[in-house]
Amino acid sequence: MEREFQEREKKCLVGHDSEDGIVIIMVLVAIAVVVAVICFLIYVSVYIILYGGGILGGFFSIRNYLISLKHNIWDSNFRKTALENAA
């Protein structure tokens, strides 16, 4: 009995021999992984919002430009004016 106590005392310098350190490390690693995943999801969602908005806004601006070009150039050149209708 005395020999077991001496071996245990040599094995652990802090007074006890337990697996608490492994559990604490596993919990800290799990928390770090959860925080990393949340940060990654926030980054990806901001990326999608910014670039998606830019692409969508760019598409609508080009579409509006082409509609206005058609209206100002194509339709006005082929539509009869009031003077042509009077003659």
N, C-alpha and C. Protein backbone atom coordinates (compact mmCIF):
# COMPACT_ATOMS: atom_id res chain seq x y z
N MET A 1 0.82 -1.18 0.00
CA MET A 1 0.00 0.00 0.00
C MET A 1 0.87 1.26 0.00
N GLU A 2 1.90 1.22 0.83
CA GLU A 2 2.82 2.35 0.92
C GLU A 2 3.54 2.57 -0.40
N ARG A 3 3.86 1.48 -1.06
CA ARG A 3 4.58 1.58 -2.34
C ARG A 3 3.70 2.20 -3.43
N GLU A 4 2.42 1.84 -3.48
CA GLU A 4 1.49 2.44 -4.45
C GLU A 4 1.38 3.95 -4.23
N PHE A 5 1.30 4.34 -2.98
CA PHE A 5 1.19 5.77 -2.67
C PHE A 5 2.43 6.53 -3.13
N GLN A 6 3.61 5.92 -2.93
CA GLN A 6 4.85 6.56 -3.35
C GLN A 6 4.93 6.65 -4.87
N GLU A 7 4.48 5.60 -5.58
CA GLU A 7 4.49 5.64 -7.05
C GLU A 7 3.53 6.71 -7.56
N ARG A 8 2.37 6.80 -6.93
CA ARG A 8 1.38 7.80 -7.34
C ARG A 8 1.92 9.21 -7.07
N GLU A 9 2.63 9.37 -5.97
CA GLU A 9 3.19 10.66 -5.63
C GLU A 9 4.27 11.07 -6.62
N LYS A 10 5.07 10.12 -7.06
CA LYS A 10 6.09 10.40 -8.06
C LYS A 10 5.47 10.71 -9.42
N LYS A 11 4.38 10.04 -9.72
CA LYS A 11 3.74 10.18 -11.03
C LYS A 11 3.10 11.57 -11.19
N CYS A 12 2.49 12.06 -10.15
CA CYS A 12 1.76 13.33 -10.25
C CYS A 12 2.29 14.30 -9.21
N LEU A 13 2.81 15.41 -9.67
CA LEU A 13 3.44 16.36 -8.76
C LEU A 13 2.46 17.32 -8.10
N VAL A 14 1.22 17.41 -8.63
CA VAL A 14 0.26 18.37 -8.08
C VAL A 14 -0.62 17.76 -7.01
N GLY A 15 -0.47 16.50 -6.68
CA GLY A 15 -1.21 15.91 -5.58
C GLY A 15 -2.34 15.01 -6.00
N HIS A 16 -2.70 14.97 -7.27
CA HIS A 16 -3.75 14.05 -7.70
C HIS A 16 -3.46 13.59 -9.11
N ASP A 17 -4.02 12.48 -9.47
CA ASP A 17 -3.81 11.91 -10.80
C ASP A 17 -5.18 11.70 -11.43
N SER A 18 -5.56 12.57 -12.31
CA SER A 18 -6.89 12.47 -12.91
C SER A 18 -6.82 12.83 -14.38
N GLU A 19 -7.94 12.67 -15.03
CA GLU A 19 -8.06 12.95 -16.47
C GLU A 19 -8.76 14.29 -16.71
N ASP A 20 -8.82 15.15 -15.74
CA ASP A 20 -9.52 16.43 -15.89
C ASP A 20 -8.88 17.31 -16.96
N GLY A 21 -7.59 17.24 -17.10
CA GLY A 21 -6.90 18.07 -18.09
C GLY A 21 -7.33 17.76 -19.50
N ILE A 22 -7.55 16.50 -19.80
CA ILE A 22 -7.97 16.11 -21.15
C ILE A 22 -9.37 16.61 -21.43
N VAL A 23 -10.25 16.52 -20.45
CA VAL A 23 -11.62 16.99 -20.62
C VAL A 23 -11.64 18.50 -20.85
N ILE A 24 -10.85 19.23 -20.09
CA ILE A 24 -10.79 20.69 -20.25
C ILE A 24 -10.24 21.05 -21.63
N ILE A 25 -9.22 20.36 -22.09
CA ILE A 25 -8.66 20.63 -23.41
C ILE A 25 -9.68 20.32 -24.50
N MET A 26 -10.42 19.21 -24.34
CA MET A 26 -11.44 18.86 -25.34
C MET A 26 -12.54 19.92 -25.39
N VAL A 27 -12.95 20.44 -24.23
CA VAL A 27 -13.98 21.48 -24.19
C VAL A 27 -13.46 22.76 -24.86
N LEU A 28 -12.23 23.14 -24.57
CA LEU A 28 -11.66 24.34 -25.19
C LEU A 28 -11.52 24.20 -26.69
N VAL A 29 -11.12 23.02 -27.15
CA VAL A 29 -11.02 22.77 -28.59
C VAL A 29 -12.40 22.83 -29.24
N ALA A 30 -13.41 22.25 -28.58
CA ALA A 30 -14.77 22.30 -29.12
C ALA A 30 -15.28 23.74 -29.21
N ILE A 31 -15.02 24.54 -28.19
CA ILE A 31 -15.44 25.95 -28.21
C ILE A 31 -14.71 26.70 -29.33
N ALA A 32 -13.43 26.43 -29.50
CA ALA A 32 -12.66 27.09 -30.56
C ALA A 32 -13.20 26.71 -31.94
N VAL A 33 -13.57 25.45 -32.11
CA VAL A 33 -14.12 25.01 -33.40
C VAL A 33 -15.46 25.68 -33.66
N VAL A 34 -16.31 25.77 -32.66
CA VAL A 34 -17.62 26.41 -32.82
C VAL A 34 -17.45 27.89 -33.17
N VAL A 35 -16.54 28.57 -32.48
CA VAL A 35 -16.30 29.99 -32.77
C VAL A 35 -15.74 30.15 -34.18
N ALA A 36 -14.84 29.27 -34.60
CA ALA A 36 -14.27 29.35 -35.95
C ALA A 36 -15.35 29.14 -37.01
N VAL A 37 -16.25 28.18 -36.79
CA VAL A 37 -17.33 27.93 -37.76
C VAL A 37 -18.27 29.13 -37.82
N ILE A 38 -18.61 29.70 -36.69
CA ILE A 38 -19.49 30.87 -36.68
C ILE A 38 -18.84 32.05 -37.41
N CYS A 39 -17.56 32.29 -37.17
CA CYS A 39 -16.85 33.37 -37.87
C CYS A 39 -16.81 33.11 -39.37
N PHE A 40 -16.58 31.87 -39.76
CA PHE A 40 -16.55 31.53 -41.18
C PHE A 40 -17.92 31.76 -41.82
N LEU A 41 -18.99 31.38 -41.14
CA LEU A 41 -20.34 31.59 -41.69
C LEU A 41 -20.67 33.07 -41.81
N ILE A 42 -20.25 33.86 -40.84
CA ILE A 42 -20.46 35.31 -40.93
C ILE A 42 -19.69 35.88 -42.11
N TYR A 43 -18.44 35.46 -42.27
CA TYR A 43 -17.62 35.93 -43.39
C TYR A 43 -18.25 35.56 -44.73
N VAL A 44 -18.70 34.33 -44.86
CA VAL A 44 -19.30 33.89 -46.13
C VAL A 44 -20.60 34.64 -46.40
N SER A 45 -21.43 34.86 -45.38
CA SER A 45 -22.68 35.57 -45.61
C SER A 45 -22.44 37.02 -46.00
N VAL A 46 -21.47 37.68 -45.39
CA VAL A 46 -21.13 39.06 -45.77
C VAL A 46 -20.59 39.09 -47.20
N TYR A 47 -19.77 38.12 -47.54
CA TYR A 47 -19.22 38.01 -48.90
C TYR A 47 -20.35 37.85 -49.92
N ILE A 48 -21.30 36.98 -49.63
CA ILE A 48 -22.43 36.75 -50.55
C ILE A 48 -23.28 38.01 -50.66
N ILE A 49 -23.53 38.68 -49.54
CA ILE A 49 -24.35 39.89 -49.57
C ILE A 49 -23.67 40.98 -50.41
N LEU A 50 -22.38 41.21 -50.17
CA LEU A 50 -21.69 42.29 -50.88
C LEU A 50 -21.56 41.99 -52.37
N TYR A 51 -21.03 40.84 -52.71
CA TYR A 51 -20.81 40.54 -54.12
C TYR A 51 -22.12 40.21 -54.84
N GLY A 52 -23.04 39.57 -54.16
CA GLY A 52 -24.35 39.32 -54.76
C GLY A 52 -25.08 40.61 -55.06
N GLY A 53 -25.02 41.55 -54.12
CA GLY A 53 -25.65 42.86 -54.34
C GLY A 53 -24.98 43.60 -55.47
N GLY A 54 -23.67 43.51 -55.55
CA GLY A 54 -22.96 44.16 -56.65
C GLY A 54 -23.31 43.57 -58.00
N ILE A 55 -23.39 42.25 -58.06
CA ILE A 55 -23.75 41.59 -59.32
C ILE A 55 -25.19 41.90 -59.69
N LEU A 56 -26.10 41.82 -58.71
CA LEU A 56 -27.50 42.11 -58.98
C LEU A 56 -27.69 43.58 -59.37
N GLY A 57 -27.05 44.49 -58.64
CA GLY A 57 -27.15 45.90 -58.97
C GLY A 57 -26.54 46.21 -60.33
N GLY A 58 -25.42 45.56 -60.63
CA GLY A 58 -24.79 45.74 -61.94
C GLY A 58 -25.69 45.24 -63.07
N PHE A 59 -26.35 44.11 -62.83
CA PHE A 59 -27.26 43.58 -63.84
C PHE A 59 -28.40 44.55 -64.10
N PHE A 60 -29.01 45.08 -63.04
CA PHE A 60 -30.14 46.00 -63.23
C PHE A 60 -29.69 47.32 -63.84
N SER A 61 -28.49 47.79 -63.51
CA SER A 61 -28.03 49.04 -64.11
C SER A 61 -27.78 48.86 -65.61
N ILE A 62 -27.20 47.74 -65.99
CA ILE A 62 -26.99 47.47 -67.43
C ILE A 62 -28.32 47.30 -68.14
N ARG A 63 -29.27 46.60 -67.49
CA ARG A 63 -30.60 46.43 -68.10
C ARG A 63 -31.29 47.77 -68.29
N ASN A 64 -31.23 48.63 -67.27
CA ASN A 64 -31.87 49.95 -67.39
C ASN A 64 -31.18 50.80 -68.46
N TYR A 65 -29.86 50.69 -68.56
CA TYR A 65 -29.14 51.42 -69.59
C TYR A 65 -29.59 50.97 -70.97
N LEU A 66 -29.73 49.67 -71.18
CA LEU A 66 -30.14 49.17 -72.50
C LEU A 66 -31.57 49.55 -72.81
N ILE A 67 -32.45 49.53 -71.82
CA ILE A 67 -33.85 49.95 -72.05
C ILE A 67 -33.89 51.42 -72.42
N SER A 68 -33.11 52.24 -71.71
CA SER A 68 -33.09 53.66 -72.02
C SER A 68 -32.47 53.92 -73.38
N LEU A 69 -31.43 53.17 -73.74
CA LEU A 69 -30.82 53.30 -75.06
C LEU A 69 -31.82 52.95 -76.16
N LYS A 70 -32.56 51.87 -75.94
CA LYS A 70 -33.59 51.49 -76.93
C LYS A 70 -34.64 52.58 -77.04
N HIS A 71 -35.08 53.11 -75.92
CA HIS A 71 -36.12 54.13 -75.95
C HIS A 71 -35.62 55.42 -76.62
N ASN A 72 -34.41 55.84 -76.29
CA ASN A 72 -33.91 57.12 -76.79
C ASN A 72 -33.42 57.04 -78.22
N ILE A 73 -32.87 55.93 -78.64
CA ILE A 73 -32.27 55.85 -79.97
C ILE A 73 -33.19 55.12 -80.94
N TRP A 74 -33.53 53.93 -80.60
CA TRP A 74 -34.27 53.10 -81.56
C TRP A 74 -35.70 53.59 -81.72
N ASP A 75 -36.44 53.72 -80.62
CA ASP A 75 -37.85 54.11 -80.71
C ASP A 75 -38.02 55.54 -81.22
N SER A 76 -37.17 56.46 -80.83
CA SER A 76 -37.34 57.85 -81.26
C SER A 76 -37.00 58.02 -82.74
N ASN A 77 -36.17 57.18 -83.31
CA ASN A 77 -35.83 57.30 -84.72
C ASN A 77 -36.86 56.64 -85.63
N PHE A 78 -37.62 55.71 -85.10
CA PHE A 78 -38.60 55.03 -85.95
C PHE A 78 -40.03 55.41 -85.63
N ARG A 79 -40.24 56.23 -84.63
CA ARG A 79 -41.58 56.68 -84.30
C ARG A 79 -41.86 57.95 -85.09
N LYS A 80 -43.05 58.06 -85.64
CA LYS A 80 -43.40 59.25 -86.41
C LYS A 80 -43.62 60.42 -85.47
N THR A 81 -43.14 61.57 -85.89
CA THR A 81 -43.32 62.77 -85.08
C THR A 81 -44.67 63.39 -85.40
N ALA A 82 -45.02 64.44 -84.67
CA ALA A 82 -46.30 65.12 -84.87
C ALA A 82 -46.34 65.79 -86.25
N LEU A 83 -45.21 66.31 -86.74
CA LEU A 83 -45.18 66.96 -88.06
C LEU A 83 -45.41 65.96 -89.17
N GLU A 84 -44.86 64.75 -89.03
CA GLU A 84 -45.05 63.73 -90.07
C GLU A 84 -46.49 63.24 -90.07
N ASN A 85 -47.14 63.21 -88.92
CA ASN A 85 -48.53 62.77 -88.85
C ASN A 85 -49.46 63.82 -89.44
N ALA A 86 -49.11 65.11 -89.35
CA ALA A 86 -49.97 66.19 -89.86
C ALA A 86 -49.94 66.24 -91.36
N ALA A 87 -48.87 65.81 -91.99
CA ALA A 87 -48.76 65.95 -93.44
C ALA A 87 -49.48 64.91 -94.19
